[in-house]
Amino acid sequence: MLDLKQYNQPVPRYTSYPTVPFWEPESFTLDAYQKTLQSAYWESSKEVSLYIHLPFCESLCTYCACNTRITKNHQVEGPYIDHLLKEWELYLEVLPEKPFLREIHLGGGTPTFFAPENLDRLLSGIISRARLSKEFQMSFEGHPANTTAKHLETLHQLGFDRVSFGIQDFDLNVQKLINRMQSFEQVKAITEKAREIGYTSVNYDVVYGLPGQTIESVQNTLNQIIELKPERIAYYSYAHVPSMRPAQKSYEAYLPNEDNKWNFMQIGKEAFNKAGYEEVGMDHYVLPGDELLNARKNGELHRNFMGYTPFTSKLLIGLGVSSISDSWSGFAQNEKSIPKYYEYLDQNQLPIVKGHIHTRQDLFFRKHILNLMCDFETSWHESEFMEHCVALNYKLLDQLQDDGLIEYGVDGMKVMAQGKEVIRVICSALDARLSHKAHFNSFSNAI
């Protein structure tokens, strides 16, 4: 069996292409981006996916790499919602007609930091200014320790039927090291309450490679996860980037070694497969019958900033601090500072501070990296290949092919079974912008 540790190198996570460090903000203008929004609006049949970033948390989870604001002052909720609704109004002025909402996702931070009545005001205000697609989906991220029955009931009444709980690990020592406390009993209770209310899909986020984890502790967490039988499980590799997240330095002495981290990945895959879950894309496991699984089988699986979805969305609008919008032809990111975010909106300006308009080459590689992330194969016309092939990393591609991890040629690429474990490294061979090695310290290792 090939030892894949040689491929455990820093690479992007490819939630987008080009990845943020390689955007070209000097060529970006708000006017050009708004034109791509309008074009994407028509191409997506007037449908919009909406991501809403709610950044507040009462305490800092030290492993977290998200943009958060730590506070116990819940008076911040009202002004933030006011500005989110203002931002939505500004986007509605840019779009040609009233959009159809295809999906809404509340991310964070901790969306359940907000009181249920405030979430109701936010969502009602957004939905009232749009139309709902016939197949709309709404989901939110909840902290098991502060999500209440009232949160679940309020959001379900608005149309939410999916919830994702951040579990990470059930081991008490690990939870103390990462400052993320919630018991198995809390998770079980809130999961049962969600199902009782009518949620049809519960996802658990679980992270391996965290400080203090051992083979035994990870196995115990996996057993407890499987006991609760969530419909979906996202089993992620911990991203250690202390240069960007200084809080991660606090536990570096307790991080598992590379051999253990690889073992964590393997025992997770084996445990989920044994329990009847099927793997979809990268890091995701679902029960039979899940629509993500059906979408994969039908060649319709898609991935955007919110994760995997069962349909292709050409237009994703991100509201809130640091949110990223995607018009397929370009990206735009909001101001990360809450006071500055408010300043833009108080002046009737979209709070966009940087972005990227895709070149022809960007669109070519974006399409094929996305295909690899979703289907583990992609095909291209020989003429396209000849136009852009100069940008490929042939040294890496040939090594991957010699090791039996991929097959590639002038008509496309296919990832072999073992190659799926290093899919981000394979995608990096198609990353025309990754030669700028100065940005490598922005990325965590592939596994």
Protein backbone atom coordinates (compact mmCIF):
# COMPACT_ATOMS: atom_id res chain seq x y z
CA MET A 1 0.00 0.00 0.00
CA LEU A 2 1.35 3.41 -1.01
CA ASP A 3 2.33 5.67 1.89
CA LEU A 4 0.38 8.88 1.24
CA LYS A 5 2.16 10.93 3.91
CA GLN A 6 4.52 12.26 1.24
CA TYR A 7 1.50 14.22 -0.06
CA ASN A 8 0.66 15.78 3.31
CA GLN A 9 1.73 19.28 2.33
CA PRO A 10 0.22 22.77 2.73
CA VAL A 11 -2.49 23.30 0.11
CA PRO A 12 -5.70 25.33 -0.13
CA ARG A 13 -8.99 23.82 1.04
CA TYR A 14 -10.59 24.88 -2.24
CA THR A 15 -13.84 26.26 -0.91
CA SER A 16 -13.33 28.55 -3.89
CA TYR A 17 -11.11 28.91 -6.91
CA PRO A 18 -9.08 31.04 -7.07
CA THR A 19 -8.55 30.85 -3.32
CA VAL A 20 -8.65 34.16 -1.48
CA PRO A 21 -4.85 34.73 -1.21
CA PHE A 22 -4.64 34.65 -5.02
CA TRP A 23 -7.41 37.11 -5.79
CA GLU A 24 -6.43 40.15 -7.84
CA PRO A 25 -8.19 43.03 -6.06
CA GLU A 26 -6.39 45.62 -8.18
CA SER A 27 -8.46 44.54 -11.21
CA PHE A 28 -11.72 44.40 -9.24
CA THR A 29 -14.33 47.15 -9.37
CA LEU A 30 -17.72 47.24 -7.71
CA ASP A 31 -19.37 48.20 -10.98
CA ALA A 32 -17.87 45.20 -12.81
CA TYR A 33 -18.92 42.90 -10.01
CA GLN A 34 -22.50 44.19 -9.98
CA LYS A 35 -22.72 43.41 -13.69
CA THR A 36 -21.66 39.82 -12.98
CA LEU A 37 -24.37 39.64 -10.30
CA GLN A 38 -27.00 40.71 -12.78
CA SER A 39 -25.78 38.22 -15.35
CA ALA A 40 -25.75 35.39 -12.81
CA TYR A 41 -29.27 36.35 -11.75
CA TRP A 42 -30.63 35.55 -15.21
CA GLU A 43 -28.42 32.48 -15.67
CA SER A 44 -29.75 31.05 -12.39
CA SER A 45 -33.39 31.62 -13.39
CA LYS A 46 -33.70 34.45 -10.86
CA GLU A 47 -32.74 32.12 -8.00
CA VAL A 48 -30.40 33.27 -5.22
CA SER A 49 -28.62 31.32 -2.52
CA LEU A 50 -28.16 33.40 0.60
CA TYR A 51 -25.48 32.99 3.25
CA ILE A 52 -25.87 35.11 6.38
CA HIS A 53 -22.86 35.44 8.68
CA LEU A 54 -23.72 35.93 12.36
CA PRO A 55 -20.29 36.42 13.96
CA PHE A 56 -21.01 36.68 17.68
CA CYS A 57 -19.93 34.06 20.21
CA GLU A 58 -19.98 34.22 24.01
CA SER A 59 -16.57 32.51 24.25
CA LEU A 60 -13.66 31.77 21.93
CA CYS A 61 -13.26 28.22 20.65
CA THR A 62 -9.49 28.27 20.29
CA TYR A 63 -9.37 25.85 17.36
CA CYS A 64 -11.75 27.96 15.25
CA ALA A 65 -10.52 29.78 12.16
CA CYS A 66 -13.80 31.62 11.45
CA ASN A 67 -14.29 35.37 11.70
CA THR A 68 -15.89 35.82 15.13
CA ARG A 69 -16.62 38.54 17.67
CA ILE A 70 -16.49 37.42 21.30
CA THR A 71 -18.97 39.13 23.63
CA LYS A 72 -21.59 38.40 26.26
CA ASN A 73 -23.41 41.64 25.46
CA HIS A 74 -26.56 40.63 23.61
CA GLN A 75 -27.45 44.25 22.94
CA VAL A 76 -25.31 43.86 19.80
CA GLU A 77 -28.02 41.74 18.17
CA GLY A 78 -30.41 44.53 17.20
CA PRO A 79 -27.95 46.85 15.40
CA TYR A 80 -26.37 43.94 13.56
CA ILE A 81 -29.74 42.74 12.28
CA ASP A 82 -30.64 46.29 11.22
CA HIS A 83 -27.51 46.42 9.09
CA LEU A 84 -28.02 42.96 7.60
CA LEU A 85 -31.48 44.03 6.44
CA LYS A 86 -30.00 47.23 5.03
CA GLU A 87 -27.40 45.22 3.12
CA TRP A 88 -30.14 42.99 1.68
CA GLU A 89 -32.03 46.09 0.52
CA LEU A 90 -28.93 47.33 -1.31
CA TYR A 91 -28.55 43.99 -3.09
CA LEU A 92 -32.21 44.06 -4.10
CA GLU A 93 -31.55 47.42 -5.76
CA VAL A 94 -28.76 45.81 -7.82
CA LEU A 95 -30.75 42.74 -8.92
CA PRO A 96 -33.04 43.30 -11.93
CA GLU A 97 -36.18 41.87 -10.27
CA LYS A 98 -37.34 40.40 -6.98
CA PRO A 99 -35.34 37.17 -6.59
CA PHE A 100 -36.43 33.66 -5.71
CA LEU A 101 -34.66 32.36 -2.63
CA ARG A 102 -33.31 28.87 -3.36
CA GLU A 103 -31.50 28.40 -0.06
CA ILE A 104 -30.65 30.28 3.10
CA HIS A 105 -27.89 29.26 5.46
CA LEU A 106 -27.12 30.91 8.80
CA GLY A 107 -23.45 30.53 9.68
CA GLY A 108 -21.15 31.93 12.28
CA GLY A 109 -19.89 32.59 14.80
CA THR A 110 -22.85 31.20 16.64
CA PRO A 111 -26.21 31.89 15.00
CA THR A 112 -27.96 30.67 18.15
CA PHE A 113 -26.22 33.47 20.07
CA PHE A 114 -29.17 35.51 18.74
CA ALA A 115 -32.50 35.37 20.56
CA PRO A 116 -35.24 33.47 18.67
CA GLU A 117 -37.34 36.62 18.29
CA ASN A 118 -34.39 38.45 16.72
CA LEU A 119 -33.78 35.63 14.27
CA ASP A 120 -37.48 35.81 13.43
CA ARG A 121 -37.18 39.55 12.72
CA LEU A 122 -34.12 39.00 10.54
CA LEU A 123 -35.49 36.12 8.49
CA SER A 124 -38.99 37.55 8.15
CA GLY A 125 -37.48 40.80 6.90
CA ILE A 126 -35.39 39.00 4.29
CA ILE A 127 -38.08 36.58 3.11
CA SER A 128 -40.73 39.30 2.85
CA ARG A 129 -38.61 41.11 0.25
CA ALA A 130 -38.19 38.05 -1.97
CA ARG A 131 -40.03 35.03 -3.31
CA LEU A 132 -39.40 31.45 -2.27
CA SER A 133 -38.36 28.87 -4.83
CA LYS A 134 -40.59 25.79 -4.98
CA GLU A 135 -37.68 23.72 -3.68
CA PHE A 136 -36.19 26.19 -1.23
CA GLN A 137 -33.98 24.90 1.59
CA MET A 138 -33.06 26.62 4.82
CA SER A 139 -30.43 25.49 7.29
CA PHE A 140 -28.52 26.87 10.23
CA GLU A 141 -25.54 26.12 12.44
CA GLY A 142 -26.30 25.63 16.13
CA HIS A 143 -24.15 25.30 19.23
CA PRO A 144 -25.56 22.33 21.19
CA ALA A 145 -24.89 24.13 24.47
CA ASN A 146 -27.07 27.16 23.69
CA THR A 147 -29.57 26.06 21.03
CA THR A 148 -33.01 25.98 22.66
CA ALA A 149 -36.31 24.43 21.71
CA LYS A 150 -37.52 27.98 21.02
CA HIS A 151 -34.69 28.48 18.50
CA LEU A 152 -35.67 25.28 16.73
CA GLU A 153 -39.40 26.05 16.76
CA THR A 154 -38.99 29.64 15.54
CA LEU A 155 -36.73 28.73 12.62
CA HIS A 156 -38.81 25.69 11.68
CA GLN A 157 -41.91 27.87 11.45
CA LEU A 158 -39.99 30.08 9.00
CA GLY A 159 -39.17 27.09 6.79
CA PHE A 160 -35.92 25.71 8.21
CA ASP A 161 -35.71 21.92 8.12
CA ARG A 162 -31.95 21.34 8.39
CA VAL A 163 -29.65 21.99 11.30
CA SER A 164 -25.91 21.46 11.72
CA PHE A 165 -24.47 21.06 15.20
CA GLY A 166 -20.78 21.66 15.86
CA ILE A 167 -19.72 18.63 17.89
CA GLN A 168 -15.96 18.51 17.18
CA ASP A 169 -15.19 15.98 19.96
CA PHE A 170 -16.91 14.52 23.04
CA ASP A 171 -13.74 13.97 25.06
CA LEU A 172 -13.67 16.29 28.09
CA ASN A 173 -9.90 16.87 27.95
CA VAL A 174 -10.07 17.82 24.26
CA GLN A 175 -13.03 20.11 24.91
CA LYS A 176 -11.11 21.92 27.65
CA LEU A 177 -8.09 22.41 25.39
CA ILE A 178 -10.18 23.92 22.58
CA ASN A 179 -12.60 25.71 24.96
CA ARG A 180 -15.63 24.09 23.37
CA MET A 181 -17.83 22.48 25.98
CA GLN A 182 -20.96 20.44 25.35
CA SER A 183 -21.89 17.06 26.74
CA PHE A 184 -23.15 13.99 24.94
CA GLU A 185 -26.41 14.36 26.87
CA GLN A 186 -26.88 17.94 25.60
CA VAL A 187 -26.27 16.89 22.01
CA LYS A 188 -28.61 13.92 22.31
CA ALA A 189 -31.37 16.06 23.84
CA ILE A 190 -31.20 18.84 21.24
CA THR A 191 -31.01 16.32 18.39
CA GLU A 192 -34.12 14.54 19.64
CA LYS A 193 -35.90 17.87 20.08
CA ALA A 194 -35.04 18.91 16.50
CA ARG A 195 -36.49 15.68 15.12
CA GLU A 196 -39.57 16.01 17.32
CA ILE A 197 -40.21 19.51 15.96
CA GLY A 198 -39.89 18.33 12.37
CA TYR A 199 -36.30 18.80 11.19
CA THR A 200 -35.63 16.21 8.50
CA SER A 201 -31.84 16.45 8.45
CA VAL A 202 -29.37 16.80 11.32
CA ASN A 203 -25.67 17.21 10.53
CA TYR A 204 -22.79 16.86 12.96
CA ASP A 205 -19.48 18.59 12.37
CA VAL A 206 -16.66 16.46 13.81
CA VAL A 207 -12.97 17.41 13.70
CA TYR A 208 -9.95 15.11 13.87
CA GLY A 209 -6.40 16.22 14.63
CA LEU A 210 -7.43 18.35 17.62
CA PRO A 211 -5.11 18.75 20.63
CA GLY A 212 -5.36 15.96 23.18
CA GLN A 213 -6.99 13.47 20.84
CA THR A 214 -5.87 9.84 21.00
CA ILE A 215 -6.90 6.76 19.06
CA GLU A 216 -9.07 5.72 21.99
CA SER A 217 -10.72 9.13 22.48
CA VAL A 218 -11.48 9.54 18.78
CA GLN A 219 -12.95 6.04 18.63
CA ASN A 220 -15.16 6.83 21.63
CA THR A 221 -16.38 10.03 19.99
CA LEU A 222 -17.12 8.19 16.74
CA ASN A 223 -19.10 5.54 18.64
CA GLN A 224 -21.17 8.22 20.35
CA ILE A 225 -21.79 10.04 17.06
CA ILE A 226 -22.96 6.85 15.40
CA GLU A 227 -25.23 6.06 18.35
CA LEU A 228 -27.15 9.30 17.69
CA LYS A 229 -27.37 8.51 13.94
CA PRO A 230 -27.33 12.01 12.39
CA GLU A 231 -28.41 12.07 8.76
CA ARG A 232 -25.13 13.71 7.76
CA ILE A 233 -21.64 13.86 9.22
CA ALA A 234 -18.88 16.24 8.18
CA TYR A 235 -15.57 14.74 9.37
CA TYR A 236 -12.92 17.40 8.92
CA SER A 237 -9.19 17.60 9.37
CA TYR A 238 -8.23 20.29 11.87
CA ALA A 239 -6.52 23.24 10.15
CA HIS A 240 -3.56 24.45 12.19
CA VAL A 241 -2.70 28.00 11.09
CA PRO A 242 -1.33 29.76 14.21
CA SER A 243 0.14 32.56 12.11
CA MET A 244 -3.43 33.55 11.30
CA ARG A 245 -5.14 32.35 14.51
CA PRO A 246 -2.79 33.04 17.46
CA ALA A 247 -5.12 31.29 19.94
CA GLN A 248 -4.07 27.99 18.34
CA LYS A 249 -0.57 28.44 19.81
CA SER A 250 -1.96 27.75 23.30
CA TYR A 251 -2.09 23.99 22.78
CA GLU A 252 0.60 23.20 20.20
CA ALA A 253 2.34 20.83 22.63
CA TYR A 254 -0.81 18.68 22.72
CA LEU A 255 -1.38 18.27 18.97
CA PRO A 256 -1.33 14.64 17.73
CA ASN A 257 1.53 13.60 15.49
CA GLU A 258 1.12 13.02 11.77
CA ASP A 259 0.80 9.23 12.09
CA ASN A 260 -2.04 9.55 14.59
CA LYS A 261 -3.84 12.13 12.48
CA TRP A 262 -3.78 9.79 9.49
CA ASN A 263 -5.06 7.01 11.72
CA PHE A 264 -7.90 9.25 12.91
CA MET A 265 -8.95 9.80 9.31
CA GLN A 266 -8.90 6.07 8.55
CA ILE A 267 -10.82 4.91 11.62
CA GLY A 268 -13.43 7.57 10.90
CA LYS A 269 -13.95 6.34 7.36
CA GLU A 270 -14.13 2.73 8.55
CA ALA A 271 -16.55 3.53 11.39
CA PHE A 272 -18.94 5.50 9.20
CA ASN A 273 -18.89 2.93 6.41
CA LYS A 274 -19.55 0.13 8.89
CA ALA A 275 -22.50 2.11 10.31
CA GLY A 276 -24.09 2.36 6.85
CA TYR A 277 -23.01 5.85 5.86
CA GLU A 278 -21.85 6.58 2.32
CA GLU A 279 -19.13 9.06 1.44
CA VAL A 280 -20.11 12.09 -0.61
CA GLY A 281 -17.43 14.42 -1.93
CA MET A 282 -14.70 15.32 0.55
CA ASP A 283 -15.14 14.72 4.26
CA HIS A 284 -18.91 14.17 4.10
CA TYR A 285 -20.88 11.04 5.03
CA VAL A 286 -24.62 10.58 4.61
CA LEU A 287 -27.21 7.90 5.20
CA PRO A 288 -28.73 6.09 2.18
CA GLY A 289 -31.49 8.10 0.53
CA ASP A 290 -29.97 11.47 1.35
CA GLU A 291 -30.44 13.97 -1.46
CA LEU A 292 -26.70 14.71 -1.55
CA LEU A 293 -26.11 11.06 -2.35
CA ASN A 294 -28.79 11.09 -5.04
CA ALA A 295 -27.31 14.26 -6.50
CA ARG A 296 -23.86 12.66 -6.65
CA LYS A 297 -25.26 9.62 -8.45
CA ASN A 298 -27.08 11.88 -10.91
CA GLY A 299 -24.02 14.08 -11.53
CA GLU A 300 -25.74 17.11 -9.94
CA LEU A 301 -23.71 17.52 -6.75
CA HIS A 302 -22.39 21.05 -6.29
CA ARG A 303 -20.10 22.78 -3.80
CA ASN A 304 -20.06 26.43 -2.77
CA PHE A 305 -19.01 28.50 0.24
CA MET A 306 -21.81 26.90 2.27
CA GLY A 307 -20.64 23.35 1.51
CA TYR A 308 -22.16 20.64 -0.67
CA THR A 309 -25.60 21.18 -2.17
CA PRO A 310 -27.78 18.96 -4.41
CA PHE A 311 -28.07 21.61 -7.14
CA THR A 312 -25.84 24.07 -8.97
CA SER A 313 -26.16 27.65 -7.78
CA LYS A 314 -24.77 30.36 -10.04
CA LEU A 315 -25.51 33.18 -7.61
CA LEU A 316 -24.66 33.16 -3.92
CA ILE A 317 -24.97 36.38 -1.94
CA GLY A 318 -23.19 36.65 1.40
CA LEU A 319 -24.56 39.06 3.99
CA GLY A 320 -22.70 40.17 7.10
CA VAL A 321 -19.11 40.87 8.08
CA SER A 322 -16.45 38.97 6.11
CA SER A 323 -19.08 37.14 3.99
CA ILE A 324 -18.12 36.21 0.45
CA SER A 325 -20.50 36.48 -2.49
CA ASP A 326 -20.13 34.40 -5.63
CA SER A 327 -21.53 35.36 -9.02
CA TRP A 328 -19.72 32.47 -10.72
CA SER A 329 -17.78 35.00 -12.80
CA GLY A 330 -16.38 36.71 -9.72
CA PHE A 331 -16.07 36.88 -5.95
CA ALA A 332 -16.56 39.75 -3.52
CA GLN A 333 -15.79 39.84 0.20
CA ASN A 334 -17.26 42.11 2.86
CA GLU A 335 -15.46 44.21 5.41
CA LYS A 336 -14.30 42.09 8.39
CA SER A 337 -14.58 44.80 11.05
CA ILE A 338 -18.10 45.27 12.44
CA PRO A 339 -17.78 49.06 13.00
CA LYS A 340 -16.44 49.56 9.46
CA TYR A 341 -19.13 47.24 8.08
CA TYR A 342 -21.70 49.51 9.73
CA GLU A 343 -20.04 52.62 8.27
CA TYR A 344 -20.43 51.37 4.70
CA LEU A 345 -24.10 50.56 5.17
CA ASP A 346 -24.86 53.81 7.01
CA GLN A 347 -23.58 55.54 3.87
CA ASN A 348 -25.82 53.36 1.64
CA GLN A 349 -22.85 51.45 0.25
CA LEU A 350 -22.37 47.73 -0.10
CA PRO A 351 -19.65 46.79 2.44
CA ILE A 352 -17.45 45.07 -0.16
CA VAL A 353 -13.73 45.68 0.35
CA LYS A 354 -12.09 43.27 -2.07
CA GLY A 355 -12.89 40.82 -4.82
CA HIS A 356 -11.82 39.04 -7.95
CA ILE A 357 -13.18 38.92 -11.50
CA HIS A 358 -12.38 35.58 -13.12
CA THR A 359 -10.29 35.23 -16.24
CA ARG A 360 -11.01 32.59 -18.88
CA GLN A 361 -8.30 30.46 -17.32
CA ASP A 362 -9.81 30.90 -13.83
CA LEU A 363 -13.19 29.69 -15.09
CA PHE A 364 -11.60 26.68 -16.78
CA PHE A 365 -9.77 25.52 -13.68
CA ARG A 366 -12.63 26.45 -11.36
CA LYS A 367 -14.95 24.16 -13.28
CA HIS A 368 -12.61 21.20 -13.21
CA ILE A 369 -11.49 21.59 -9.59
CA LEU A 370 -15.17 21.72 -8.64
CA ASN A 371 -15.85 18.57 -10.65
CA LEU A 372 -13.02 16.76 -8.88
CA MET A 373 -14.31 17.89 -5.49
CA CYS A 374 -17.81 16.61 -6.26
CA ASP A 375 -17.39 13.68 -8.65
CA PHE A 376 -13.68 12.76 -8.43
CA GLU A 377 -13.45 13.01 -12.20
CA THR A 378 -13.72 15.62 -14.91
CA SER A 379 -13.46 15.84 -18.66
CA TRP A 380 -12.41 18.59 -21.02
CA HIS A 381 -12.18 19.19 -24.75
CA GLU A 382 -8.73 18.77 -26.20
CA SER A 383 -8.83 22.35 -27.50
CA GLU A 384 -9.49 23.66 -23.96
CA PHE A 385 -6.71 21.53 -22.61
CA MET A 386 -4.27 22.85 -25.17
CA GLU A 387 -5.26 26.44 -24.35
CA HIS A 388 -4.64 26.14 -20.62
CA CYS A 389 -2.32 23.15 -20.21
CA VAL A 390 0.76 25.33 -19.83
CA ALA A 391 -0.48 26.21 -16.32
CA LEU A 392 -0.69 22.60 -15.09
CA ASN A 393 1.78 21.22 -12.55
CA TYR A 394 3.01 18.32 -14.69
CA LYS A 395 5.63 17.21 -12.19
CA LEU A 396 2.95 16.65 -9.56
CA LEU A 397 0.47 15.18 -12.06
CA ASP A 398 2.99 12.64 -13.31
CA GLN A 399 3.91 11.67 -9.76
CA LEU A 400 0.25 11.22 -8.85
CA GLN A 401 -0.33 9.12 -11.95
CA ASP A 402 2.81 7.01 -11.37
CA ASP A 403 1.59 6.33 -7.83
CA GLY A 404 -1.77 5.15 -9.16
CA LEU A 405 -3.74 8.00 -7.57
CA ILE A 406 -5.08 9.53 -10.80
CA GLU A 407 -5.37 8.94 -14.51
CA TYR A 408 -5.18 12.02 -16.72
CA GLY A 409 -4.77 12.98 -20.34
CA VAL A 410 -5.89 15.46 -22.98
CA ASP A 411 -9.52 14.48 -22.44
CA GLY A 412 -9.77 14.68 -18.66
CA MET A 413 -8.85 13.26 -15.27
CA LYS A 414 -10.13 10.53 -12.97
CA VAL A 415 -9.24 10.10 -9.29
CA MET A 416 -8.58 6.53 -8.17
CA ALA A 417 -9.90 5.17 -4.87
CA GLN A 418 -6.81 5.90 -2.79
CA GLY A 419 -6.37 9.28 -4.45
CA LYS A 420 -9.58 10.51 -2.82
CA GLU A 421 -7.69 10.79 0.45
CA VAL A 422 -5.43 13.48 -1.03
CA ILE A 423 -7.98 15.15 -3.29
CA ARG A 424 -6.87 18.66 -2.29
CA VAL A 425 -3.33 17.89 -3.39
CA ILE A 426 -4.67 16.58 -6.70
CA CYS A 427 -6.68 19.77 -7.16
CA SER A 428 -3.56 21.81 -6.45
CA ALA A 429 -2.00 20.36 -9.62
CA LEU A 430 -4.74 22.23 -11.54
CA ASP A 431 -4.20 25.45 -9.58
CA ALA A 432 -2.61 27.85 -12.04
CA ARG A 433 -2.01 30.42 -9.28
CA LEU A 434 -0.35 28.20 -6.69
CA SER A 435 3.17 28.90 -7.95
CA HIS A 436 3.18 31.95 -5.68
CA LYS A 437 4.75 30.03 -2.81
CA ALA A 438 4.85 33.10 -0.60
CA HIS A 439 1.23 32.32 0.24
CA PHE A 440 1.88 28.75 1.38
CA ASN A 441 1.95 29.81 5.05
CA SER A 442 -1.74 30.72 4.61
CA PHE A 443 -2.63 27.05 4.18
CA SER A 444 -2.80 24.06 6.51
CA ASN A 445 -1.63 20.59 5.54
CA ALA A 446 -3.80 18.46 3.26
CA ILE A 447 -4.56 16.02 6.10
